[in-house]
């Protein structure tokens, strides 16, 4: 693309966002405005850090060309509002730190023998041990710059004897993992079991782990999970990006009749359509016609993909062939 086109697109985006953000409630429904802005934020979050910084530079240049000081100031708030200058790697690390802290506070003091219904056969002690182990494993593979698969069973855990001490052990494990990741260039190539073969894979993976296991803990205690829409939408994409690299899942997916499932996030406006069958698995970021369509908030869709909520729950509106959705969920269960 030419500089002229890129500058025009950046200015147009900034102006539309500013108009939505400053529009009176009697002109634009506030809920609609929030939905549009969250959808835009989600899309911009997926840009590589260099592209985000470039967009911020072009928006500030567009603002500088404005003669109206008030409008110029409004446009200048766009890069900060969308965090275009933020370090995406650090943002993931910060989010992991925050959510693991919430997880630890949620499970601390809970009877370790408490069942976790979303993980059949597990207790809270099992859940906390698993979460801490994942952080120990991630710290090890990043610190050693693994070039081939490393199994969690081969990583030293230093697990406490008493399950009641697991929460603090998990907190220390997360601190160690984040300390290691924050010191490393996220673009360094290394092994991962997913699509992204860089260090950057790991904080994003740990964030999704933290979201799902915090939900497990909350549901075990009879609480409703709460996940930010943008984080949930990113988790859905991470799930879909990594699926083709999980051979035990792709084998099950290939055994399904050719069909498709569309996921539609009612709060962010994001949508994904997945096609599958003997030919394999593919997906697009679009609300295309599908064999089955399920609509809900991004957070509930994420919990659906990870088997934490059932499609029959009140949270979801399912149209088309429900059995196609159920077969897809069964085939992609971890």
Protein backbone atom coordinates (compact mmCIF):
# COMPACT_ATOMS: atom_id res chain seq x y z
CA UNK A 1 0.00 0.00 0.00
CA UNK A 2 1.12 3.57 -0.64
CA UNK A 3 1.84 5.99 2.21
CA UNK A 4 -1.05 8.14 1.01
CA UNK A 5 -3.49 5.24 1.33
CA UNK A 6 -2.15 4.18 4.74
CA UNK A 7 -2.36 7.75 6.03
CA UNK A 8 -5.93 8.08 4.76
CA UNK A 9 -6.99 4.79 6.36
CA UNK A 10 -5.37 5.74 9.69
CA UNK A 11 -7.06 9.15 9.67
CA UNK A 12 -10.43 7.65 8.72
CA UNK A 13 -10.19 5.06 11.49
CA UNK A 14 -9.26 7.70 14.08
CA UNK A 15 -12.10 9.97 13.01
CA UNK A 16 -14.74 7.22 13.05
CA UNK A 17 -13.57 6.00 16.46
CA UNK A 18 -13.60 9.54 17.85
CA UNK A 19 -17.07 10.22 16.45
CA UNK A 20 -18.38 7.03 18.08
CA UNK A 21 -16.65 7.82 21.37
CA UNK A 22 -17.92 11.41 21.55
CA UNK A 23 -21.41 10.87 20.12
CA UNK A 24 -24.37 11.87 22.33
CA UNK A 25 -26.42 9.01 23.77
CA UNK A 26 -29.56 10.25 22.01
CA UNK A 27 -27.80 9.96 18.65
CA UNK A 28 -26.04 6.60 19.12
CA UNK A 29 -27.10 3.87 21.56
CA UNK A 30 -24.31 3.58 24.19
CA UNK A 31 -24.39 -0.24 24.10
CA UNK A 32 -23.91 -0.18 20.33
CA UNK A 33 -21.04 2.29 20.68
CA UNK A 34 -19.30 0.08 23.24
CA UNK A 35 -19.77 -2.98 21.00
CA UNK A 36 -18.23 -1.19 18.02
CA UNK A 37 -15.28 0.13 20.04
CA UNK A 38 -14.60 -3.24 21.68
CA UNK A 39 -14.69 -4.94 18.28
CA UNK A 40 -12.21 -2.40 16.94
CA UNK A 41 -9.97 -2.84 19.98
CA UNK A 42 -9.99 -6.61 19.52
CA UNK A 43 -8.93 -6.33 15.87
CA UNK A 44 -6.17 -3.83 16.65
CA UNK A 45 -4.90 -6.00 19.50
CA UNK A 46 -4.18 -8.76 16.99
CA UNK A 47 -1.82 -6.58 14.95
CA UNK A 48 1.92 -7.20 15.40
CA UNK A 49 3.55 -4.68 17.79
CA UNK A 50 5.40 -2.91 14.96
CA UNK A 51 2.17 -2.39 13.02
CA UNK A 52 0.41 -1.08 16.12
CA UNK A 53 3.17 1.46 16.70
CA UNK A 54 3.10 2.47 13.03
CA UNK A 55 -0.66 3.02 13.21
CA UNK A 56 -0.22 5.17 16.31
CA UNK A 57 2.38 7.29 14.52
CA UNK A 58 0.10 7.82 11.53
CA UNK A 59 -2.88 8.73 13.73
CA UNK A 60 -0.81 11.32 15.61
CA UNK A 61 0.37 12.74 12.27
CA UNK A 62 -3.27 12.99 11.14
CA UNK A 63 -4.16 14.78 14.38
CA UNK A 64 -1.32 17.27 13.87
CA UNK A 65 -2.87 18.26 10.53
CA UNK A 66 -6.11 19.38 12.20
CA UNK A 67 -6.71 23.11 12.69
CA UNK A 68 -9.43 22.61 15.32
CA UNK A 69 -7.59 22.21 18.65
CA UNK A 70 -10.45 20.32 20.32
CA UNK A 71 -10.79 17.81 17.51
CA UNK A 72 -6.98 17.45 17.38
CA UNK A 73 -6.91 16.60 21.09
CA UNK A 74 -9.71 14.04 20.63
CA UNK A 75 -7.78 12.32 17.82
CA UNK A 76 -4.61 12.28 19.89
CA UNK A 77 -6.40 10.20 22.51
CA UNK A 78 -6.99 7.33 20.06
CA UNK A 79 -3.49 5.76 20.22
CA UNK A 80 -3.54 5.75 24.03
CA UNK A 81 -7.15 4.56 24.12
CA UNK A 82 -6.26 1.48 22.10
CA UNK A 83 -2.82 1.00 23.65
CA UNK A 84 -1.14 1.22 20.26
CA UNK A 85 2.21 2.05 21.84
CA UNK A 86 2.01 -0.69 24.44
CA UNK A 87 4.37 -3.64 24.38
CA UNK A 88 2.04 -6.54 23.49
CA UNK A 89 4.35 -9.10 25.09
CA UNK A 90 4.35 -7.13 28.33
CA UNK A 91 0.59 -6.71 28.17
CA UNK A 92 0.16 -10.47 28.06
CA UNK A 93 2.57 -10.87 30.98
CA UNK A 94 0.71 -8.23 32.99
CA UNK A 95 -2.62 -9.93 32.31
CA UNK A 96 -1.24 -13.32 33.37
CA UNK A 97 0.10 -11.79 36.59
CA UNK A 98 -3.28 -10.25 37.38
CA UNK A 99 -5.36 -13.35 36.64
CA UNK A 100 -3.06 -15.79 38.44
CA UNK A 101 -3.28 -13.47 41.44
CA UNK A 102 -7.09 -13.70 41.26
CA UNK A 103 -6.88 -17.48 40.91
CA UNK A 104 -4.63 -17.83 43.96
CA UNK A 105 -6.88 -15.62 46.07
CA UNK A 106 -9.91 -17.61 44.91
CA UNK A 107 -8.52 -21.01 45.91
CA UNK A 108 -6.52 -20.01 48.98
CA UNK A 109 -8.25 -21.39 52.07
CA UNK A 110 -10.61 -23.61 50.05
CA UNK A 111 -10.75 -27.26 51.10
CA UNK A 112 -8.31 -28.96 48.68
CA UNK A 113 -10.71 -31.91 48.40
CA UNK A 114 -13.46 -29.71 46.92
CA UNK A 115 -14.60 -31.25 43.60
CA UNK A 116 -14.15 -29.27 40.36
CA UNK A 117 -17.19 -30.17 38.23
CA UNK A 118 -15.74 -28.72 35.01
CA UNK A 119 -12.73 -31.05 35.31
CA UNK A 120 -14.36 -34.44 36.09
CA UNK A 121 -12.43 -36.40 38.69
CA UNK A 122 -10.38 -33.40 39.79
CA UNK A 123 -10.34 -31.67 43.15
CA UNK A 124 -9.26 -28.11 43.84
CA UNK A 125 -5.86 -29.52 44.83
CA UNK A 126 -5.56 -31.16 41.39
CA UNK A 127 -6.57 -27.93 39.65
CA UNK A 128 -4.07 -25.80 41.56
CA UNK A 129 -1.29 -28.34 41.05
CA UNK A 130 -1.99 -28.42 37.30
CA UNK A 131 -1.99 -24.63 37.03
CA UNK A 132 1.28 -24.29 38.91
CA UNK A 133 2.85 -27.10 36.90
CA UNK A 134 1.99 -25.33 33.64
CA UNK A 135 3.90 -22.26 34.81
CA UNK A 136 6.89 -24.35 35.91
CA UNK A 137 6.90 -26.04 32.51
CA UNK A 138 6.59 -22.76 30.57
CA UNK A 139 9.41 -21.17 32.59
CA UNK A 140 11.65 -24.15 31.88
CA UNK A 141 11.06 -24.29 28.12
CA UNK A 142 11.56 -20.53 27.67
CA UNK A 143 14.64 -20.35 29.91
CA UNK A 144 16.28 -23.28 28.10
CA UNK A 145 15.07 -22.07 24.64
CA UNK A 146 13.73 -25.55 23.92
CA UNK A 147 14.07 -26.66 20.31
CA UNK A 148 11.94 -29.79 20.70
CA UNK A 149 9.02 -30.97 22.80
CA UNK A 150 9.43 -30.89 26.57
CA UNK A 151 6.99 -32.83 28.73
CA UNK A 152 5.80 -31.36 32.02
CA UNK A 153 6.65 -34.64 33.77
CA UNK A 154 10.33 -33.98 33.00
CA UNK A 155 10.38 -30.55 34.67
CA UNK A 156 11.33 -30.21 38.38
CA UNK A 157 8.27 -29.05 40.32
CA UNK A 158 9.45 -28.62 43.93
CA UNK A 159 5.85 -29.35 44.91
CA UNK A 160 4.97 -28.84 48.59
CA UNK A 161 3.94 -31.88 50.64
CA UNK A 162 0.67 -30.31 51.78
CA UNK A 163 -2.03 -29.46 49.22
CA UNK A 164 -2.98 -26.46 51.36
CA UNK A 165 0.38 -24.93 50.32
CA UNK A 166 -0.31 -25.36 46.59
CA UNK A 167 -1.79 -21.88 46.06
CA UNK A 168 1.33 -20.08 47.27
CA UNK A 169 3.48 -22.52 45.27
CA UNK A 170 1.46 -21.67 42.16
CA UNK A 171 1.95 -17.96 42.82
CA UNK A 172 5.72 -18.47 43.07
CA UNK A 173 5.69 -20.61 39.91
CA UNK A 174 3.89 -17.86 37.97
CA UNK A 175 6.28 -15.21 39.30
CA UNK A 176 9.26 -17.25 38.09
CA UNK A 177 7.71 -17.85 34.67
CA UNK A 178 6.89 -14.18 34.14
CA UNK A 179 10.30 -13.07 35.39
CA UNK A 180 11.93 -15.29 32.75
CA UNK A 181 9.59 -14.23 29.93
CA UNK A 182 9.93 -10.53 30.59
CA UNK A 183 13.70 -10.80 30.07
CA UNK A 184 13.45 -12.47 26.65
CA UNK A 185 12.83 -11.07 23.19
CA UNK A 186 9.32 -12.35 22.31
CA UNK A 187 10.32 -12.76 18.66
CA UNK A 188 13.08 -15.29 19.40
CA UNK A 189 12.32 -18.59 17.62
CA UNK A 190 11.83 -21.68 19.77
CA UNK A 191 9.70 -24.79 20.02
CA UNK A 192 6.05 -24.65 20.99
CA UNK A 193 3.23 -27.13 20.47
CA UNK A 194 1.15 -24.49 18.69
CA UNK A 195 1.13 -22.29 15.63
CA UNK A 196 3.48 -19.60 16.98
CA UNK A 197 7.04 -20.95 17.13
CA UNK A 198 8.39 -18.02 19.15
CA UNK A 199 8.77 -17.03 22.78
CA UNK A 200 5.63 -14.93 22.24
CA UNK A 201 3.56 -18.13 22.25
CA UNK A 202 4.02 -18.66 25.97
CA UNK A 203 2.57 -15.60 27.73
CA UNK A 204 -0.47 -15.76 25.45
CA UNK A 205 -0.88 -19.47 26.23
CA UNK A 206 -0.51 -18.84 29.96
CA UNK A 207 -3.14 -16.11 29.78
CA UNK A 208 -5.65 -18.48 28.25
CA UNK A 209 -4.75 -21.10 30.87
CA UNK A 210 -5.33 -18.54 33.60
CA UNK A 211 -8.73 -17.52 32.19
CA UNK A 212 -9.98 -21.10 31.92
CA UNK A 213 -8.69 -22.30 35.29
CA UNK A 214 -9.93 -19.23 37.11
CA UNK A 215 -13.32 -20.06 35.61
CA UNK A 216 -12.93 -23.67 36.82
CA UNK A 217 -12.27 -22.45 40.35
CA UNK A 218 -15.13 -19.96 40.32
CA UNK A 219 -17.62 -22.49 38.99
CA UNK A 220 -16.48 -25.02 41.61
CA UNK A 221 -17.34 -22.44 44.27
CA UNK A 222 -20.71 -21.59 42.74
CA UNK A 223 -19.64 -18.26 41.28
CA UNK A 224 -20.19 -16.93 37.76
CA UNK A 225 -16.91 -16.44 35.84
CA UNK A 226 -16.22 -12.99 34.43
CA UNK A 227 -13.79 -12.54 31.54
CA UNK A 228 -13.10 -9.35 29.59
CA UNK A 229 -14.63 -9.63 26.09
CA UNK A 230 -11.38 -8.79 24.29
CA UNK A 231 -9.42 -11.35 26.30
CA UNK A 232 -12.06 -13.99 25.61
CA UNK A 233 -12.11 -13.25 21.86
CA UNK A 234 -8.33 -13.53 21.74
CA UNK A 235 -8.61 -16.84 23.60
CA UNK A 236 -11.00 -18.15 20.94
CA UNK A 237 -8.52 -17.28 18.21
CA UNK A 238 -5.65 -18.85 20.13
CA UNK A 239 -7.70 -22.03 20.46
CA UNK A 240 -8.47 -22.11 16.72
CA UNK A 241 -4.90 -21.27 15.70
CA UNK A 242 -3.46 -24.12 17.75
CA UNK A 243 -6.02 -26.84 16.92
CA UNK A 244 -4.40 -27.91 13.61
CA UNK A 245 -1.18 -28.62 15.52
CA UNK A 246 -2.85 -31.05 17.94
CA UNK A 247 -2.68 -34.32 15.98
CA UNK A 248 -4.90 -36.29 18.35
CA UNK A 249 -7.65 -33.72 17.74
CA UNK A 250 -7.19 -33.39 13.98
CA UNK A 251 -7.57 -37.18 13.67
CA UNK A 252 -10.95 -36.99 15.41
CA UNK A 253 -11.99 -33.98 13.31
CA UNK A 254 -11.15 -35.80 10.05
CA UNK A 255 -13.52 -38.59 11.10
CA UNK A 256 -16.47 -36.16 11.13
CA UNK A 257 -18.73 -35.61 8.11
CA UNK A 258 -17.97 -32.39 6.24
CA UNK A 259 -19.73 -29.54 8.04
CA UNK A 260 -19.16 -26.11 9.54
CA UNK A 261 -19.78 -24.19 12.75
CA UNK A 262 -20.08 -20.43 13.10
CA UNK A 263 -19.33 -18.67 16.39
CA UNK A 264 -20.73 -15.18 16.85
CA UNK A 265 -19.74 -12.98 19.80
CA UNK A 266 -22.69 -10.75 20.59
CA UNK A 267 -20.70 -8.32 22.72
CA UNK A 268 -17.63 -7.70 20.55
CA UNK A 269 -19.15 -8.28 17.12
CA UNK A 270 -16.36 -10.76 16.29
CA UNK A 271 -17.22 -13.95 14.43
CA UNK A 272 -15.47 -17.14 13.33
CA UNK A 273 -16.55 -19.87 10.94
CA UNK A 274 -14.86 -23.27 11.15
CA UNK A 275 -15.04 -25.88 8.38
CA UNK A 276 -14.04 -29.48 9.08
CA UNK A 277 -14.27 -33.05 7.93
CA UNK A 278 -12.18 -35.55 6.00
CA UNK A 279 -10.31 -32.72 4.23
CA UNK A 280 -9.13 -31.32 7.54
CA UNK A 281 -9.77 -28.14 9.46
CA UNK A 282 -9.88 -24.49 8.39
CA UNK A 283 -11.40 -21.33 9.79
CA UNK A 284 -12.00 -17.70 8.91
CA UNK A 285 -12.78 -14.56 10.91
CA UNK A 286 -16.22 -14.10 9.39
CA UNK A 287 -19.88 -14.75 10.15
CA UNK A 288 -20.44 -17.06 7.17
CA UNK A 289 -23.42 -19.39 6.67
CA UNK A 290 -22.75 -22.66 8.49
CA UNK A 291 -24.27 -26.01 9.39
CA UNK A 292 -24.67 -24.76 12.94
CA UNK A 293 -24.38 -21.28 14.40
CA UNK A 294 -23.97 -20.45 18.09
CA UNK A 295 -24.26 -16.93 19.45
CA UNK A 296 -23.30 -15.73 22.93
CA UNK A 297 -20.84 -13.41 24.62
CA UNK A 298 -17.19 -13.95 23.73
CA UNK A 299 -16.52 -15.20 27.28
CA UNK A 300 -19.26 -17.82 27.10
CA UNK A 301 -18.12 -18.94 23.64
CA UNK A 302 -14.60 -19.45 25.01
CA UNK A 303 -15.93 -21.55 27.89
CA UNK A 304 -18.03 -23.52 25.39
CA UNK A 305 -14.95 -24.34 23.29
CA UNK A 306 -13.11 -25.55 26.39
CA UNK A 307 -16.05 -27.67 27.54
CA UNK A 308 -16.79 -25.54 30.60
CA UNK A 309 -20.31 -24.72 29.41
CA UNK A 310 -22.70 -26.92 27.45
CA UNK A 311 -24.42 -25.67 24.28
CA UNK A 312 -27.77 -26.41 25.88
CA UNK A 313 -27.15 -23.76 28.56
CA UNK A 314 -29.25 -20.60 28.60
CA UNK A 315 -26.17 -18.60 27.65
CA UNK A 316 -26.33 -19.75 24.00
CA UNK A 317 -28.56 -19.30 20.99
CA UNK A 318 -28.01 -22.22 18.62
CA UNK A 319 -29.46 -22.31 15.11
CA UNK A 320 -29.08 -24.93 12.41
CA UNK A 321 -28.05 -28.49 13.21
CA UNK A 322 -27.28 -28.68 16.92
CA UNK A 323 -25.83 -32.17 16.52
CA UNK A 324 -23.11 -30.76 14.24
CA UNK A 325 -22.06 -28.35 16.99
CA UNK A 326 -22.12 -31.11 19.60
CA UNK A 327 -20.04 -33.45 17.40
CA UNK A 328 -17.51 -30.68 16.76
CA UNK A 329 -17.20 -29.90 20.48
CA UNK A 330 -16.73 -33.59 21.31
CA UNK A 331 -14.05 -34.01 18.64
CA UNK A 332 -12.08 -30.94 19.77
CA UNK A 333 -12.25 -31.63 23.50
CA UNK A 334 -8.87 -31.59 25.24
